[in-house]
């Protein structure tokens, strides 16, 4: 009779990752390694990271051999988180291309797992109260990027997600276009600043 799936717990650490550690899985954001299991499926042994994404109520089992391919990484160093927060204070760079193309680029950045690239999406899609409202699709991408960024900031700084969002919004408020000139901000509309096309931060690779 062929072997079905049997599971037994193995080590506490693999490839520099250990159980109970928080990690970043690019396609889903911050998760926590709950266990490192060894499964035997049809006679073949497979070692898996069991990763829980509490907010999404989801658990993934990722073969330990595939973590490089999926881009799983440790949480960012505090210095990199600081760089991401500084990025939020910069001038939004909006390319003069069709929204569908920009949306794809934003999505690629969000799923790259790169905290600075995610911060760029939050910065570029942010709208202050005196600016035109976001479209539905812009808002969806903005919220997805904000969610990824705030979860990692919260995990690194050991604060709540609400506190992390407040810190992110405070950084955004310091940006050059959030100043006390509502008429000027409104006139900018989509925020297509000239010279933004030299922005070649395409992490879509």
N, C-alpha and C. Protein backbone atom coordinates (compact mmCIF):
# COMPACT_ATOMS: atom_id res chain seq x y z
N UNK A 1 0.85 -1.20 0.00
CA UNK A 1 0.00 0.00 0.00
C UNK A 1 0.89 1.25 0.00
N UNK A 2 0.67 2.16 -0.97
CA UNK A 2 1.54 3.33 -1.05
C UNK A 2 1.40 4.25 0.16
N UNK A 3 2.51 4.91 0.46
CA UNK A 3 2.51 5.81 1.62
C UNK A 3 1.71 7.07 1.31
N UNK A 4 0.81 7.40 2.20
CA UNK A 4 0.12 8.69 2.04
C UNK A 4 0.97 9.74 2.76
N UNK A 5 0.36 10.82 3.15
CA UNK A 5 1.15 11.89 3.77
C UNK A 5 1.30 11.67 5.27
N UNK A 6 2.53 11.58 5.72
CA UNK A 6 2.77 11.54 7.16
C UNK A 6 3.61 12.75 7.50
N UNK A 7 3.30 13.35 8.61
CA UNK A 7 4.01 14.58 8.98
C UNK A 7 4.69 14.40 10.32
N UNK A 8 5.92 14.85 10.40
CA UNK A 8 6.57 14.89 11.71
C UNK A 8 7.37 16.19 11.80
N UNK A 9 7.38 16.74 12.98
CA UNK A 9 8.12 17.99 13.19
C UNK A 9 9.61 17.68 13.12
N UNK A 10 10.35 18.59 12.52
CA UNK A 10 11.80 18.38 12.50
C UNK A 10 12.48 19.52 13.22
N UNK A 11 13.39 20.13 12.53
CA UNK A 11 14.26 21.12 13.14
C UNK A 11 13.56 22.43 13.49
N UNK A 12 14.25 23.26 14.25
CA UNK A 12 13.74 24.59 14.61
C UNK A 12 14.28 25.66 13.66
N UNK A 13 15.24 25.28 12.81
CA UNK A 13 15.90 26.27 11.96
C UNK A 13 16.32 25.66 10.63
N UNK A 14 16.11 26.42 9.56
CA UNK A 14 16.53 25.99 8.22
C UNK A 14 16.85 27.23 7.39
N UNK A 15 17.96 27.19 6.66
CA UNK A 15 18.33 28.29 5.75
C UNK A 15 18.34 29.65 6.47
N UNK A 16 18.71 29.65 7.75
CA UNK A 16 18.77 30.90 8.49
C UNK A 16 17.43 31.38 9.03
N UNK A 17 16.36 30.64 8.73
CA UNK A 17 15.03 30.99 9.25
C UNK A 17 14.68 30.04 10.38
N UNK A 18 14.04 30.57 11.42
CA UNK A 18 13.68 29.70 12.53
C UNK A 18 12.20 29.85 12.90
N UNK A 19 11.69 28.86 13.62
CA UNK A 19 10.28 28.89 14.00
C UNK A 19 9.99 30.09 14.89
N UNK A 20 8.78 30.58 14.77
CA UNK A 20 8.23 31.77 15.46
C UNK A 20 8.77 33.10 14.91
N UNK A 21 9.70 33.03 13.94
CA UNK A 21 10.25 34.26 13.34
C UNK A 21 9.25 34.86 12.33
N UNK A 22 9.21 36.19 12.30
CA UNK A 22 8.40 36.88 11.27
C UNK A 22 9.25 37.03 10.02
N UNK A 23 8.62 36.80 8.88
CA UNK A 23 9.32 36.90 7.58
C UNK A 23 8.45 37.69 6.61
N UNK A 24 9.02 38.00 5.45
CA UNK A 24 8.23 38.64 4.38
C UNK A 24 8.18 37.67 3.20
N UNK A 25 6.96 37.36 2.80
CA UNK A 25 6.71 36.51 1.63
C UNK A 25 6.11 37.45 0.59
N UNK A 26 6.87 37.77 -0.48
CA UNK A 26 6.46 38.84 -1.40
C UNK A 26 5.00 38.82 -1.86
N UNK A 27 4.47 37.64 -2.15
CA UNK A 27 3.10 37.60 -2.68
C UNK A 27 2.04 37.88 -1.61
N UNK A 28 2.41 37.75 -0.33
CA UNK A 28 1.40 37.91 0.72
C UNK A 28 1.79 38.87 1.84
N UNK A 29 3.05 39.30 1.89
CA UNK A 29 3.46 40.23 2.94
C UNK A 29 4.04 39.52 4.15
N UNK A 30 3.85 40.13 5.32
CA UNK A 30 4.47 39.62 6.55
C UNK A 30 3.72 38.39 7.07
N UNK A 31 4.49 37.35 7.35
CA UNK A 31 3.93 36.13 7.94
C UNK A 31 4.83 35.64 9.05
N UNK A 32 4.39 34.61 9.75
CA UNK A 32 5.19 34.05 10.85
C UNK A 32 5.39 32.56 10.63
N UNK A 33 6.64 32.13 10.79
CA UNK A 33 6.94 30.70 10.64
C UNK A 33 6.45 29.99 11.90
N UNK A 34 5.45 29.13 11.73
CA UNK A 34 4.87 28.42 12.88
C UNK A 34 5.61 27.11 13.15
N UNK A 35 6.14 26.50 12.10
CA UNK A 35 6.83 25.22 12.27
C UNK A 35 7.66 24.94 11.03
N UNK A 36 8.61 24.03 11.18
CA UNK A 36 9.34 23.50 10.03
C UNK A 36 9.07 22.00 10.06
N UNK A 37 8.33 21.54 9.08
CA UNK A 37 7.87 20.15 9.08
C UNK A 37 8.57 19.33 8.01
N UNK A 38 8.59 18.04 8.25
CA UNK A 38 9.05 17.13 7.21
C UNK A 38 7.87 16.23 6.86
N UNK A 39 7.52 16.23 5.60
CA UNK A 39 6.41 15.37 5.16
C UNK A 39 6.95 14.30 4.23
N UNK A 40 6.30 13.16 4.29
CA UNK A 40 6.66 12.10 3.34
C UNK A 40 5.46 11.90 2.43
N UNK A 41 5.65 12.20 1.18
CA UNK A 41 4.55 12.08 0.22
C UNK A 41 4.96 11.06 -0.83
N UNK A 42 4.21 9.96 -0.86
CA UNK A 42 4.49 8.87 -1.81
C UNK A 42 5.96 8.45 -1.78
N UNK A 43 6.49 8.37 -0.58
CA UNK A 43 7.86 7.87 -0.43
C UNK A 43 8.93 8.94 -0.54
N UNK A 44 8.56 10.15 -0.96
CA UNK A 44 9.56 11.22 -1.09
C UNK A 44 9.45 12.16 0.10
N UNK A 45 10.60 12.51 0.66
CA UNK A 45 10.59 13.41 1.82
C UNK A 45 10.65 14.87 1.37
N UNK A 46 9.85 15.67 2.01
CA UNK A 46 9.79 17.08 1.66
C UNK A 46 9.80 17.89 2.95
N UNK A 47 10.69 18.87 3.01
CA UNK A 47 10.76 19.72 4.20
C UNK A 47 10.04 21.04 3.90
N UNK A 48 9.20 21.45 4.82
CA UNK A 48 8.34 22.61 4.56
C UNK A 48 8.37 23.64 5.69
N UNK A 49 8.33 24.91 5.31
CA UNK A 49 8.07 25.97 6.27
C UNK A 49 6.56 26.11 6.36
N UNK A 50 6.01 26.09 7.57
CA UNK A 50 4.58 26.34 7.76
C UNK A 50 4.45 27.80 8.17
N UNK A 51 3.89 28.62 7.28
CA UNK A 51 3.84 30.07 7.50
C UNK A 51 2.40 30.53 7.69
N UNK A 52 2.18 31.25 8.78
CA UNK A 52 0.83 31.74 9.07
C UNK A 52 0.75 33.24 8.76
N UNK A 53 -0.30 33.61 8.04
CA UNK A 53 -0.61 35.02 7.77
C UNK A 53 -1.88 35.31 8.56
N UNK A 54 -1.69 35.75 9.81
CA UNK A 54 -2.81 35.84 10.75
C UNK A 54 -3.91 36.76 10.24
N UNK A 55 -3.52 37.93 9.72
CA UNK A 55 -4.53 38.90 9.28
C UNK A 55 -5.38 38.33 8.14
N UNK A 56 -4.74 37.53 7.27
CA UNK A 56 -5.47 36.95 6.13
C UNK A 56 -6.11 35.61 6.47
N UNK A 57 -5.91 35.16 7.74
CA UNK A 57 -6.42 33.85 8.17
C UNK A 57 -6.01 32.76 7.18
N UNK A 58 -4.72 32.73 6.88
CA UNK A 58 -4.22 31.82 5.86
C UNK A 58 -2.93 31.17 6.33
N UNK A 59 -2.75 29.90 5.99
CA UNK A 59 -1.49 29.21 6.30
C UNK A 59 -0.92 28.64 5.01
N UNK A 60 0.36 28.90 4.76
CA UNK A 60 1.04 28.35 3.58
C UNK A 60 2.06 27.32 4.02
N UNK A 61 2.23 26.30 3.21
CA UNK A 61 3.33 25.36 3.42
C UNK A 61 4.27 25.50 2.23
N UNK A 62 5.46 26.01 2.50
CA UNK A 62 6.41 26.31 1.43
C UNK A 62 7.62 25.39 1.56
N UNK A 63 7.94 24.62 0.50
CA UNK A 63 9.14 23.78 0.56
C UNK A 63 10.37 24.63 0.87
N UNK A 64 11.19 24.17 1.82
CA UNK A 64 12.36 24.97 2.22
C UNK A 64 13.29 25.22 1.04
N UNK A 65 13.29 24.30 0.08
CA UNK A 65 14.17 24.47 -1.09
C UNK A 65 13.69 25.57 -2.03
N UNK A 66 12.45 26.03 -1.85
CA UNK A 66 11.89 27.00 -2.80
C UNK A 66 11.90 28.43 -2.29
N UNK A 67 12.46 28.68 -1.11
CA UNK A 67 12.33 30.04 -0.56
C UNK A 67 13.05 31.09 -1.38
N UNK A 68 14.14 30.70 -2.04
CA UNK A 68 14.85 31.68 -2.88
C UNK A 68 13.99 32.02 -4.09
N UNK A 69 13.39 30.99 -4.69
CA UNK A 69 12.56 31.19 -5.88
C UNK A 69 11.36 32.08 -5.59
N UNK A 70 10.75 31.93 -4.41
CA UNK A 70 9.57 32.75 -4.10
C UNK A 70 9.95 34.10 -3.50
N UNK A 71 11.24 34.27 -3.18
CA UNK A 71 11.71 35.57 -2.67
C UNK A 71 11.48 35.80 -1.19
N UNK A 72 11.23 34.71 -0.44
CA UNK A 72 11.01 34.87 1.00
C UNK A 72 12.25 35.47 1.65
N UNK A 73 12.05 36.42 2.54
CA UNK A 73 13.19 37.08 3.18
C UNK A 73 12.89 37.40 4.63
N UNK A 74 13.96 37.77 5.34
CA UNK A 74 13.80 38.23 6.71
C UNK A 74 13.19 39.63 6.71
N UNK A 75 12.71 40.06 7.87
CA UNK A 75 12.20 41.44 7.99
C UNK A 75 13.33 42.41 7.66
N UNK A 76 12.98 43.57 7.16
CA UNK A 76 13.98 44.59 6.83
C UNK A 76 14.70 45.06 8.09
N UNK A 77 15.95 45.47 7.90
CA UNK A 77 16.70 46.08 9.00
C UNK A 77 16.07 47.45 9.32
N UNK A 78 16.16 47.91 10.58
CA UNK A 78 15.59 49.22 10.93
C UNK A 78 16.06 50.35 10.01
N UNK A 79 17.32 50.29 9.55
CA UNK A 79 17.84 51.35 8.66
C UNK A 79 17.08 51.37 7.33
N UNK A 80 16.69 50.19 6.84
CA UNK A 80 15.95 50.11 5.58
C UNK A 80 14.51 50.60 5.76
N UNK A 81 13.94 50.30 6.93
CA UNK A 81 12.59 50.80 7.24
C UNK A 81 12.63 52.33 7.29
N UNK A 82 13.69 52.88 7.87
CA UNK A 82 13.85 54.33 7.94
C UNK A 82 13.93 54.91 6.53
N UNK A 83 14.67 54.22 5.64
CA UNK A 83 14.79 54.69 4.25
C UNK A 83 13.42 54.68 3.56
N UNK A 84 12.63 53.63 3.84
CA UNK A 84 11.28 53.54 3.24
C UNK A 84 10.41 54.70 3.74
N UNK A 85 10.50 55.01 5.03
CA UNK A 85 9.71 56.11 5.59
C UNK A 85 10.17 57.45 5.02
N UNK A 86 11.48 57.59 4.76
CA UNK A 86 12.00 58.81 4.14
C UNK A 86 11.49 58.93 2.70
N UNK A 87 11.38 57.78 2.02
CA UNK A 87 10.88 57.75 0.63
C UNK A 87 9.48 58.37 0.56
N UNK A 88 8.68 58.14 1.61
CA UNK A 88 7.31 58.65 1.64
C UNK A 88 7.26 60.18 1.62
N UNK A 89 8.34 60.81 2.09
CA UNK A 89 8.37 62.28 2.16
C UNK A 89 8.77 62.91 0.83
N UNK A 90 9.19 62.09 -0.12
CA UNK A 90 9.65 62.61 -1.40
C UNK A 90 8.51 63.04 -2.30
N UNK A 91 8.90 63.61 -3.43
CA UNK A 91 7.90 64.07 -4.41
C UNK A 91 7.37 62.87 -5.19
N UNK A 92 6.06 62.83 -5.34
CA UNK A 92 5.45 61.73 -6.09
C UNK A 92 5.96 61.74 -7.53
N UNK A 93 6.28 60.56 -8.02
CA UNK A 93 6.75 60.46 -9.41
C UNK A 93 5.73 59.68 -10.21
N UNK A 94 4.97 60.38 -10.98
CA UNK A 94 3.91 59.74 -11.75
C UNK A 94 4.29 59.77 -13.23
N UNK A 95 4.41 58.62 -13.83
CA UNK A 95 4.78 58.57 -15.26
C UNK A 95 3.60 58.99 -16.13
N UNK A 96 3.90 59.58 -17.24
CA UNK A 96 2.84 59.97 -18.18
C UNK A 96 2.53 58.80 -19.10
N UNK A 97 2.05 57.74 -18.50
CA UNK A 97 1.65 56.57 -19.30
C UNK A 97 0.22 56.23 -18.93
N UNK A 98 -0.38 55.32 -19.68
CA UNK A 98 -1.77 54.94 -19.41
C UNK A 98 -1.87 54.32 -18.02
N UNK A 99 -3.04 54.53 -17.38
CA UNK A 99 -3.23 54.02 -16.02
C UNK A 99 -3.04 52.50 -15.96
N UNK A 100 -3.53 51.77 -16.97
CA UNK A 100 -3.42 50.30 -16.92
C UNK A 100 -1.95 49.86 -16.84
N UNK A 101 -1.09 50.57 -17.56
CA UNK A 101 0.34 50.25 -17.54
C UNK A 101 0.94 50.59 -16.18
N UNK A 102 0.57 51.78 -15.66
CA UNK A 102 1.09 52.19 -14.35
C UNK A 102 0.60 51.24 -13.27
N UNK A 103 -0.67 50.83 -13.38
CA UNK A 103 -1.25 49.91 -12.38
C UNK A 103 -0.46 48.61 -12.33
N UNK A 104 -0.06 48.11 -13.50
CA UNK A 104 0.74 46.87 -13.56
C UNK A 104 2.09 47.08 -12.87
N UNK A 105 2.69 48.24 -13.10
CA UNK A 105 3.99 48.53 -12.48
C UNK A 105 3.85 48.64 -10.96
N UNK A 106 2.78 49.30 -10.52
CA UNK A 106 2.55 49.42 -9.07
C UNK A 106 2.36 48.03 -8.45
N UNK A 107 1.58 47.19 -9.15
CA UNK A 107 1.32 45.85 -8.63
C UNK A 107 2.61 45.04 -8.54
N UNK A 108 3.46 45.19 -9.55
CA UNK A 108 4.74 44.47 -9.55
C UNK A 108 5.60 44.93 -8.37
N UNK A 109 5.58 46.22 -8.10
CA UNK A 109 6.35 46.74 -6.96
C UNK A 109 5.81 46.19 -5.64
N UNK A 110 4.48 46.18 -5.51
CA UNK A 110 3.86 45.67 -4.27
C UNK A 110 4.26 44.21 -4.05
N UNK A 111 4.24 43.42 -5.12
CA UNK A 111 4.54 41.99 -5.00
C UNK A 111 6.03 41.66 -5.07
N UNK A 112 6.86 42.72 -5.20
CA UNK A 112 8.31 42.47 -5.25
C UNK A 112 8.85 42.13 -3.86
N UNK A 113 8.10 42.56 -2.83
CA UNK A 113 8.58 42.34 -1.47
C UNK A 113 9.63 43.35 -1.05
N UNK A 114 9.97 44.30 -1.93
CA UNK A 114 10.98 45.32 -1.64
C UNK A 114 10.30 46.47 -0.90
N UNK A 115 10.66 46.67 0.37
CA UNK A 115 9.96 47.65 1.21
C UNK A 115 10.05 49.08 0.66
N UNK A 116 11.18 49.43 0.04
CA UNK A 116 11.33 50.79 -0.51
C UNK A 116 10.44 50.94 -1.75
N UNK A 117 10.38 49.91 -2.59
CA UNK A 117 9.51 49.95 -3.78
C UNK A 117 8.04 50.08 -3.36
N UNK A 118 7.66 49.37 -2.29
CA UNK A 118 6.28 49.44 -1.78
C UNK A 118 6.00 50.85 -1.26
N UNK A 119 6.99 51.44 -0.58
CA UNK A 119 6.84 52.81 -0.08
C UNK A 119 6.65 53.79 -1.25
N UNK A 120 7.32 53.53 -2.37
CA UNK A 120 7.17 54.40 -3.55
C UNK A 120 5.73 54.38 -4.06
N UNK A 121 5.11 53.19 -4.02
CA UNK A 121 3.71 53.08 -4.47
C UNK A 121 2.80 53.86 -3.53
N UNK A 122 3.03 53.73 -2.22
CA UNK A 122 2.23 54.46 -1.24
C UNK A 122 2.37 55.96 -1.48
N UNK A 123 3.61 56.41 -1.68
CA UNK A 123 3.88 57.83 -1.93
C UNK A 123 3.20 58.31 -3.21
N UNK A 124 3.33 57.56 -4.28
CA UNK A 124 2.82 58.01 -5.58
C UNK A 124 1.29 58.01 -5.65
N UNK A 125 0.63 57.15 -4.87
CA UNK A 125 -0.83 57.06 -4.94
C UNK A 125 -1.53 57.79 -3.80
N UNK A 126 -0.74 58.35 -2.88
CA UNK A 126 -1.34 59.05 -1.73
C UNK A 126 -2.05 60.33 -2.18
N UNK A 127 -3.19 60.57 -1.57
CA UNK A 127 -3.91 61.83 -1.81
C UNK A 127 -4.21 62.48 -0.47
N UNK A 128 -3.83 63.74 -0.31
CA UNK A 128 -4.19 64.46 0.92
C UNK A 128 -5.61 64.99 0.74
N UNK A 129 -6.15 65.55 1.82
CA UNK A 129 -7.55 65.98 1.80
C UNK A 129 -7.82 67.06 0.76
N UNK A 130 -6.80 67.87 0.45
CA UNK A 130 -7.06 68.96 -0.50
C UNK A 130 -6.70 68.59 -1.94
N UNK A 131 -6.56 67.29 -2.18
CA UNK A 131 -6.26 66.84 -3.55
C UNK A 131 -7.44 66.03 -4.10
N UNK A 132 -7.51 65.86 -5.42
CA UNK A 132 -8.61 65.07 -5.99
C UNK A 132 -8.61 63.66 -5.42
N UNK A 133 -9.81 63.11 -5.29
CA UNK A 133 -9.91 61.75 -4.73
C UNK A 133 -9.32 60.73 -5.69
N UNK A 134 -8.92 59.60 -5.10
CA UNK A 134 -8.39 58.51 -5.92
C UNK A 134 -9.55 57.80 -6.63
N UNK A 135 -9.24 57.21 -7.77
CA UNK A 135 -10.23 56.36 -8.42
C UNK A 135 -10.29 55.05 -7.61
N UNK A 136 -11.28 54.23 -7.89
CA UNK A 136 -11.44 52.97 -7.15
C UNK A 136 -10.20 52.09 -7.29
N UNK A 137 -9.69 51.97 -8.52
CA UNK A 137 -8.52 51.09 -8.72
C UNK A 137 -7.26 51.66 -8.08
N UNK A 138 -7.13 53.00 -8.09
CA UNK A 138 -5.99 53.63 -7.41
C UNK A 138 -6.06 53.35 -5.91
N UNK A 139 -7.27 53.50 -5.37
CA UNK A 139 -7.45 53.30 -3.92
C UNK A 139 -7.12 51.86 -3.53
N UNK A 140 -7.55 50.91 -4.35
CA UNK A 140 -7.26 49.50 -4.06
C UNK A 140 -5.75 49.24 -3.99
N UNK A 141 -5.03 49.77 -4.97
CA UNK A 141 -3.58 49.59 -5.00
C UNK A 141 -2.91 50.32 -3.84
N UNK A 142 -3.41 51.52 -3.55
CA UNK A 142 -2.85 52.29 -2.44
C UNK A 142 -3.02 51.51 -1.13
N UNK A 143 -4.23 50.98 -0.91
CA UNK A 143 -4.49 50.26 0.34
C UNK A 143 -3.69 48.97 0.44
N UNK A 144 -3.50 48.31 -0.71
CA UNK A 144 -2.69 47.08 -0.71
C UNK A 144 -1.24 47.40 -0.33
N UNK A 145 -0.71 48.49 -0.91
CA UNK A 145 0.68 48.89 -0.61
C UNK A 145 0.80 49.35 0.84
N UNK A 146 -0.17 50.13 1.30
CA UNK A 146 -0.15 50.63 2.67
C UNK A 146 -0.21 49.47 3.66
N UNK A 147 -1.02 48.47 3.34
CA UNK A 147 -1.16 47.30 4.21
C UNK A 147 0.17 46.56 4.32
N UNK A 148 0.82 46.32 3.18
CA UNK A 148 2.12 45.62 3.18
C UNK A 148 3.16 46.41 3.98
N UNK A 149 3.20 47.72 3.72
CA UNK A 149 4.21 48.56 4.36
C UNK A 149 3.97 48.64 5.87
N UNK A 150 2.71 48.87 6.26
CA UNK A 150 2.42 49.04 7.69
C UNK A 150 2.67 47.75 8.47
N UNK A 151 2.39 46.60 7.85
CA UNK A 151 2.62 45.33 8.54
C UNK A 151 4.11 45.12 8.81
N UNK A 152 4.94 45.46 7.83
CA UNK A 152 6.37 45.25 8.04
C UNK A 152 6.95 46.28 9.03
N UNK A 153 6.51 47.54 8.91
CA UNK A 153 6.96 48.56 9.86
C UNK A 153 6.57 48.14 11.28
N UNK A 154 5.34 47.66 11.44
CA UNK A 154 4.85 47.23 12.75
C UNK A 154 5.68 46.07 13.29
N UNK A 155 5.99 45.09 12.42
CA UNK A 155 6.75 43.91 12.86
C UNK A 155 8.18 44.27 13.24
N UNK A 156 8.80 45.17 12.46
CA UNK A 156 10.20 45.56 12.74
C UNK A 156 10.27 46.41 14.00
N UNK A 157 9.35 47.36 14.12
CA UNK A 157 9.40 48.29 15.26
C UNK A 157 8.68 47.77 16.50
N UNK A 158 8.04 46.58 16.33
CA UNK A 158 7.29 45.97 17.45
C UNK A 158 6.23 46.93 18.00
N UNK A 159 5.46 47.49 17.06
CA UNK A 159 4.33 48.36 17.43
C UNK A 159 3.08 47.77 16.77
N UNK A 160 1.92 48.34 17.07
CA UNK A 160 0.70 47.85 16.43
C UNK A 160 0.63 48.38 15.00
N UNK A 161 -0.21 47.73 14.21
CA UNK A 161 -0.36 48.18 12.82
C UNK A 161 -0.95 49.59 12.75
N UNK A 162 -1.84 49.90 13.69
CA UNK A 162 -2.45 51.24 13.74
C UNK A 162 -1.37 52.29 13.97
N UNK A 163 -0.45 51.99 14.89
CA UNK A 163 0.64 52.94 15.17
C UNK A 163 1.54 53.09 13.94
N UNK A 164 1.78 51.97 13.24
CA UNK A 164 2.61 52.01 12.04
C UNK A 164 1.96 52.87 10.96
N UNK A 165 0.64 52.74 10.79
CA UNK A 165 -0.08 53.54 9.78
C UNK A 165 0.01 55.02 10.13
N UNK A 166 -0.11 55.34 11.43
CA UNK A 166 0.01 56.75 11.86
C UNK A 166 1.39 57.30 11.49
N UNK A 167 2.42 56.49 11.69
CA UNK A 167 3.79 56.92 11.37
C UNK A 167 3.95 57.14 9.86
N UNK A 168 3.37 56.23 9.08
CA UNK A 168 3.43 56.33 7.62
C UNK A 168 2.70 57.59 7.14
N UNK A 169 1.50 57.83 7.71
CA UNK A 169 0.71 59.00 7.30
C UNK A 169 1.40 60.30 7.71
N UNK A 170 2.10 60.28 8.84
CA UNK A 170 2.84 61.47 9.28
C UNK A 170 3.97 61.77 8.31
N UNK A 171 4.63 60.72 7.82
CA UNK A 171 5.72 60.90 6.84
C UNK A 171 5.15 61.43 5.52
N UNK A 172 4.00 60.88 5.08
CA UNK A 172 3.37 61.33 3.84
C UNK A 172 2.98 62.81 3.93
N UNK A 173 2.52 63.22 5.10
CA UNK A 173 2.07 64.60 5.29
C UNK A 173 3.23 65.59 5.15
N UNK A 174 4.46 65.10 5.28
CA UNK A 174 5.63 65.98 5.16
C UNK A 174 6.11 66.11 3.72
N UNK A 175 5.44 65.43 2.80
CA UNK A 175 5.84 65.47 1.40
C UNK A 175 5.64 66.84 0.79
N UNK A 176 6.33 67.15 -0.31
CA UNK A 176 6.29 68.49 -0.90
C UNK A 176 4.94 68.93 -1.41
N UNK A 177 4.07 67.98 -1.76
CA UNK A 177 2.79 68.37 -2.34
C UNK A 177 1.66 68.40 -1.32
N UNK A 178 2.02 68.21 -0.04
CA UNK A 178 0.94 68.20 0.96
C UNK A 178 0.85 69.55 1.66
N UNK A 179 1.51 70.56 1.09
CA UNK A 179 1.61 71.86 1.74
C UNK A 179 0.28 72.59 1.81
N UNK A 180 0.29 73.79 2.39
CA UNK A 180 -0.95 74.54 2.62
C UNK A 180 -1.40 75.34 1.40
N UNK A 181 -1.29 74.75 0.21
CA UNK A 181 -1.71 75.46 -1.00
C UNK A 181 -2.73 74.61 -1.75
N UNK A 182 -3.96 74.52 -1.21
CA UNK A 182 -4.96 73.63 -1.82
C UNK A 182 -5.23 73.92 -3.29
N UNK A 183 -5.23 75.21 -3.67
CA UNK A 183 -5.53 75.54 -5.07
C UNK A 183 -4.47 74.96 -5.99
N UNK A 184 -3.23 75.10 -5.55
CA UNK A 184 -2.11 74.60 -6.36
C UNK A 184 -2.15 73.07 -6.43
N UNK A 185 -2.45 72.46 -5.29
CA UNK A 185 -2.50 70.99 -5.25
C UNK A 185 -3.61 70.48 -6.16
N UNK A 186 -4.75 71.15 -6.11
CA UNK A 186 -5.88 70.72 -6.93
C UNK A 186 -5.55 70.89 -8.41
N UNK A 187 -4.82 71.96 -8.74
CA UNK A 187 -4.47 72.23 -10.13
C UNK A 187 -3.56 71.14 -10.69
N UNK A 188 -2.82 70.49 -9.79
CA UNK A 188 -1.91 69.44 -10.28
C UNK A 188 -2.66 68.20 -10.71
N UNK A 189 -3.90 68.07 -10.26
CA UNK A 189 -4.71 66.94 -10.68
C UNK A 189 -4.05 65.62 -10.40
N UNK A 190 -3.78 64.90 -11.47
CA UNK A 190 -3.19 63.57 -11.33
C UNK A 190 -1.78 63.61 -10.77
N UNK A 191 -1.21 64.79 -10.69
CA UNK A 191 0.15 64.90 -10.14
C UNK A 191 1.21 64.53 -11.15
N UNK A 192 0.93 64.76 -12.43
CA UNK A 192 1.92 64.42 -13.46
C UNK A 192 3.02 65.47 -13.50
N UNK A 193 3.95 65.35 -12.59
CA UNK A 193 5.04 66.32 -12.62
C UNK A 193 5.94 66.08 -13.82
N UNK A 194 6.46 67.16 -14.35
CA UNK A 194 7.41 67.02 -15.45
C UNK A 194 8.68 66.37 -14.94
N UNK A 195 9.39 65.74 -15.84
CA UNK A 195 10.67 65.15 -15.48
C UNK A 195 10.54 63.84 -14.75
N UNK A 196 9.30 63.36 -14.55
CA UNK A 196 9.15 62.13 -13.77
C UNK A 196 9.52 60.90 -14.59
N UNK A 197 9.65 61.08 -15.90
CA UNK A 197 9.92 59.91 -16.72
C UNK A 197 11.31 59.34 -16.52
N UNK A 198 12.20 60.12 -15.89
CA UNK A 198 13.51 59.53 -15.68
C UNK A 198 13.49 58.53 -14.53
N UNK A 199 12.34 58.45 -13.86
CA UNK A 199 12.22 57.48 -12.79
C UNK A 199 12.26 56.09 -13.40
N UNK A 200 13.34 55.39 -13.22
CA UNK A 200 13.45 54.08 -13.83
C UNK A 200 13.51 53.00 -12.76
N UNK A 201 12.70 53.18 -11.72
CA UNK A 201 12.74 52.22 -10.62
C UNK A 201 11.76 51.09 -10.89
N UNK A 202 11.90 50.44 -12.03
CA UNK A 202 10.97 49.36 -12.37
C UNK A 202 11.45 48.07 -11.73
N UNK A 203 10.82 47.73 -10.61
CA UNK A 203 11.19 46.46 -9.97
C UNK A 203 10.35 45.31 -10.54
N UNK A 204 9.81 45.54 -11.73
CA UNK A 204 8.90 44.54 -12.27
C UNK A 204 9.63 43.28 -12.71
N UNK A 205 10.95 43.29 -12.63
CA UNK A 205 11.72 42.14 -13.08
C UNK A 205 11.38 40.92 -12.26
